PDB file of N, CA and C in Angstrom:
ATOM      1  N   MET A   1       0.828  -1.210   0.138  1.00  0.00           N
ATOM      2  CA  MET A   1       0.050  -0.028   0.053  1.00  0.00           C
ATOM      3  C   MET A   1       0.953   1.151   0.013  1.00  0.00           C
ATOM      4  N   ASP A   2       0.689   2.246  -0.877  1.00  0.00           N
ATOM      5  CA  ASP A   2       1.387   3.335  -0.835  1.00  0.00           C
ATOM      6  C   ASP A   2       0.976   4.386   0.263  1.00  0.00           C
ATOM      7  N   LEU A   3       1.665   5.378   0.707  1.00  0.00           N
ATOM      8  CA  LEU A   3       1.648   6.153   1.643  1.00  0.00           C
ATOM      9  C   LEU A   3       0.488   6.910   1.683  1.00  0.00           C
ATOM     10  N   LEU A   4      -0.147   7.277   0.502  1.00  0.00           N
ATOM     11  CA  LEU A   4      -1.448   8.133   0.444  1.00  0.00           C
ATOM     12  C   LEU A   4      -2.511   7.388   0.630  1.00  0.00           C
ATOM     13  N   LYS A   5      -2.573   6.173   0.337  1.00  0.00           N
ATOM     14  CA  LYS A   5      -3.568   5.245   0.401  1.00  0.00           C
ATOM     15  C   LYS A   5      -3.469   4.886   2.054  1.00  0.00           C
ATOM     16  N   GLN A   6      -2.572   4.697   2.709  1.00  0.00           N
ATOM     17  CA  GLN A   6      -2.531   4.319   4.108  1.00  0.00           C
ATOM     18  C   GLN A   6      -3.008   5.670   5.036  1.00  0.00           C
ATOM     19  N   CYS A   7      -2.666   6.704   4.383  1.00  0.00           N
ATOM     20  CA  CYS A   7      -2.901   7.888   5.143  1.00  0.00           C
ATOM     21  C   CYS A   7      -4.570   8.072   5.251  1.00  0.00           C
ATOM     22  N   GLN A   8      -4.961   7.778   3.981  1.00  0.00           N
ATOM     23  CA  GLN A   8      -6.527   7.867   3.674  1.00  0.00           C
ATOM     24  C   GLN A   8      -7.202   6.783   4.613  1.00  0.00           C
ATOM     25  N   GLN A   9      -6.705   5.608   4.713  1.00  0.00           N
ATOM     26  CA  GLN A   9      -7.054   4.527   5.515  1.00  0.00           C
ATOM     27  C   GLN A   9      -7.081   4.991   7.095  1.00  0.00           C
ATOM     28  N   TRP A  10      -6.079   5.445   7.545  1.00  0.00           N
ATOM     29  CA  TRP A  10      -5.882   6.087   8.778  1.00  0.00           C
ATOM     30  C   TRP A  10      -7.119   7.064   9.299  1.00  0.00           C
ATOM     31  N   PHE A  11      -7.096   8.258   8.423  1.00  0.00           N
ATOM     32  CA  PHE A  11      -8.267   8.915   8.532  1.00  0.00           C
ATOM     33  C   PHE A  11      -9.662   8.265   8.757  1.00  0.00           C
ATOM     34  N   GLU A  12      -9.831   7.403   7.817  1.00  0.00           N
ATOM     35  CA  GLU A  12     -11.260   6.616   8.200  1.00  0.00           C
ATOM     36  C   GLU A  12     -11.321   6.123   9.551  1.00  0.00           C
ATOM     37  N   GLN A  13     -10.389   5.593  10.002  1.00  0.00           N
ATOM     38  CA  GLN A  13     -10.013   4.836  11.327  1.00  0.00           C
ATOM     39  C   GLN A  13      -9.813   5.934  12.526  1.00  0.00           C
ATOM     40  N   ASP A  14      -9.913   7.286  12.204  1.00  0.00           N
ATOM     41  CA  ASP A  14      -9.669   8.287  13.331  1.00  0.00           C
ATOM     42  C   ASP A  14      -8.224   8.087  13.962  1.00  0.00           C
ATOM     43  N   GLU A  15      -7.464   7.812  12.909  1.00  0.00           N
ATOM     44  CA  GLU A  15      -5.987   7.681  13.500  1.00  0.00           C
ATOM     45  C   GLU A  15      -4.921   8.658  13.024  1.00  0.00           C
ATOM     46  N   VAL A  16      -5.485  10.101  13.248  1.00  0.00           N
ATOM     47  CA  VAL A  16      -4.850  11.076  12.515  1.00  0.00           C
ATOM     48  C   VAL A  16      -3.271  11.411  12.886  1.00  0.00           C
ATOM     49  N   GLN A  17      -2.960  11.067  14.431  1.00  0.00           N
ATOM     50  CA  GLN A  17      -1.460  11.234  14.440  1.00  0.00           C
ATOM     51  C   GLN A  17      -0.719  10.105  13.815  1.00  0.00           C
ATOM     52  N   ASN A  18      -1.288   9.059  13.179  1.00  0.00           N
ATOM     53  CA  ASN A  18      -0.485   8.192  12.369  1.00  0.00           C
ATOM     54  C   ASN A  18      -0.079   9.056  11.149  1.00  0.00           C
ATOM     55  N   VAL A  19      -0.854   9.532  10.619  1.00  0.00           N
ATOM     56  CA  VAL A  19      -1.253  10.542   9.561  1.00  0.00           C
ATOM     57  C   VAL A  19       0.198  11.505   9.542  1.00  0.00           C
ATOM     58  N   ILE A  20      -0.056  12.114  10.726  1.00  0.00           N
ATOM     59  CA  ILE A  20       1.012  13.455  10.872  1.00  0.00           C
ATOM     60  C   ILE A  20       2.390  12.778  11.043  1.00  0.00           C
ATOM     61  N   ASP A  21       2.445  11.670  11.786  1.00  0.00           N
ATOM     62  CA  ASP A  21       3.910  11.079  12.133  1.00  0.00           C
ATOM     63  C   ASP A  21       4.422  10.530  10.823  1.00  0.00           C
ATOM     64  N   ALA A  22       3.728   9.794   9.889  1.00  0.00           N
ATOM     65  CA  ALA A  22       4.074   9.133   8.555  1.00  0.00           C
ATOM     66  C   ALA A  22       4.557  10.633   7.725  1.00  0.00           C
ATOM     67  N   LEU A  23       3.716  11.605   7.511  1.00  0.00           N
ATOM     68  CA  LEU A  23       3.950  12.595   6.576  1.00  0.00           C
ATOM     69  C   LEU A  23       5.080  13.484   7.054  1.00  0.00           C
ATOM     70  N   GLU A  24       5.338  13.662   8.202  1.00  0.00           N
ATOM     71  CA  GLU A  24       6.591  14.384   8.825  1.00  0.00           C
ATOM     72  C   GLU A  24       7.703  13.494   8.521  1.00  0.00           C
ATOM     73  N   ALA A  25       7.747  12.337   8.370  1.00  0.00           N
ATOM     74  CA  ALA A  25       8.984  11.661   8.163  1.00  0.00           C
ATOM     75  C   ALA A  25       9.441  11.644   6.634  1.00  0.00           C
ATOM     76  N   VAL A  26       8.484  12.000   5.755  1.00  0.00           N
ATOM     77  CA  VAL A  26       8.972  12.221   4.553  1.00  0.00           C
ATOM     78  C   VAL A  26       9.551  13.467   4.133  1.00  0.00           C
ATOM     79  N   PRO A  27      10.686  13.429   3.394  1.00  0.00           N
ATOM     80  CA  PRO A  27      11.523  14.628   3.187  1.00  0.00           C
ATOM     81  C   PRO A  27      10.594  15.478   2.490  1.00  0.00           C
ATOM     82  N   ALA A  28      10.686  16.995   2.527  1.00  0.00           N
ATOM     83  CA  ALA A  28       9.877  17.861   1.831  1.00  0.00           C
ATOM     84  C   ALA A  28       9.933  17.716   0.122  1.00  0.00           C
ATOM     85  N   GLU A  29      11.358  17.614  -0.100  1.00  0.00           N
ATOM     86  CA  GLU A  29      11.494  17.568  -1.497  1.00  0.00           C
ATOM     87  C   GLU A  29      10.817  16.142  -2.246  1.00  0.00           C
ATOM     88  N   GLU A  30      10.406  15.142  -1.522  1.00  0.00           N
ATOM     89  CA  GLU A  30       9.856  13.993  -2.131  1.00  0.00           C
ATOM     90  C   GLU A  30       8.220  13.817  -1.651  1.00  0.00           C
ATOM     91  N   CYS A  31       7.638  14.897  -1.160  1.00  0.00           N
ATOM     92  CA  CYS A  31       6.391  15.030  -0.601  1.00  0.00           C
ATOM     93  C   CYS A  31       5.364  15.857  -1.745  1.00  0.00           C
ATOM     94  N   PRO A  32       4.826  14.869  -2.497  1.00  0.00           N
ATOM     95  CA  PRO A  32       3.901  15.413  -3.648  1.00  0.00           C
ATOM     96  C   PRO A  32       2.789  16.221  -3.210  1.00  0.00           C
ATOM     97  N   LEU A  33       2.292  17.013  -3.958  1.00  0.00           N
ATOM     98  CA  LEU A  33       1.337  18.037  -3.634  1.00  0.00           C
ATOM     99  C   LEU A  33       0.073  17.394  -2.971  1.00  0.00           C
ATOM    100  N   LYS A  34      -0.397  16.069  -3.318  1.00  0.00           N
ATOM    101  CA  LYS A  34      -1.575  15.412  -2.693  1.00  0.00           C
ATOM    102  C   LYS A  34      -1.310  15.139  -1.214  1.00  0.00           C
ATOM    103  N   MET A  35      -0.026  14.871  -0.732  1.00  0.00           N
ATOM    104  CA  MET A  35       0.322  14.543   0.503  1.00  0.00           C
ATOM    105  C   MET A  35       0.372  15.789   1.310  1.00  0.00           C
ATOM    106  N   ASP A  36       0.853  16.814   0.667  1.00  0.00           N
ATOM    107  CA  ASP A  36       0.700  18.100   1.370  1.00  0.00           C
ATOM    108  C   ASP A  36      -0.925  18.492   1.786  1.00  0.00           C
ATOM    109  N   SER A  37      -1.921  18.064   0.772  1.00  0.00           N
ATOM    110  CA  SER A  37      -3.243  18.013   1.336  1.00  0.00           C
ATOM    111  C   SER A  37      -3.619  17.466   2.305  1.00  0.00           C
ATOM    112  N   GLU A  38      -3.071  15.970   2.327  1.00  0.00           N
ATOM    113  CA  GLU A  38      -3.341  15.051   3.373  1.00  0.00           C
ATOM    114  C   GLU A  38      -3.114  15.920   4.861  1.00  0.00           C
ATOM    115  N   SER A  39      -1.686  16.231   4.722  1.00  0.00           N
ATOM    116  CA  SER A  39      -1.241  16.858   5.906  1.00  0.00           C
ATOM    117  C   SER A  39      -1.965  17.991   6.585  1.00  0.00           C
ATOM    118  N   ALA A  40      -2.421  18.799   5.545  1.00  0.00           N
ATOM    119  CA  ALA A  40      -3.351  19.833   6.091  1.00  0.00           C
ATOM    120  C   ALA A  40      -4.493  19.528   6.729  1.00  0.00           C
ATOM    121  N   LYS A  41      -5.077  18.396   6.195  1.00  0.00           N
ATOM    122  CA  LYS A  41      -6.357  17.972   6.750  1.00  0.00           C
ATOM    123  C   LYS A  41      -6.214  17.367   8.185  1.00  0.00           C
ATOM    124  N   ALA A  42      -4.834  16.746   8.485  1.00  0.00           N
ATOM    125  CA  ALA A  42      -4.533  16.623   9.669  1.00  0.00           C
ATOM    126  C   ALA A  42      -4.386  17.465  10.827  1.00  0.00           C
TER     127      ALA A  42
END
């Protein structure tokens, strides 16, 4: 499962901190725009 799909699954399970932790671990230059939107939701 890719990270974006995993983040969406965590949101559905109300595990927002997992989303935040996972996205903060991704280097900024490797973070696509869609992941930025996931981070903003969290």
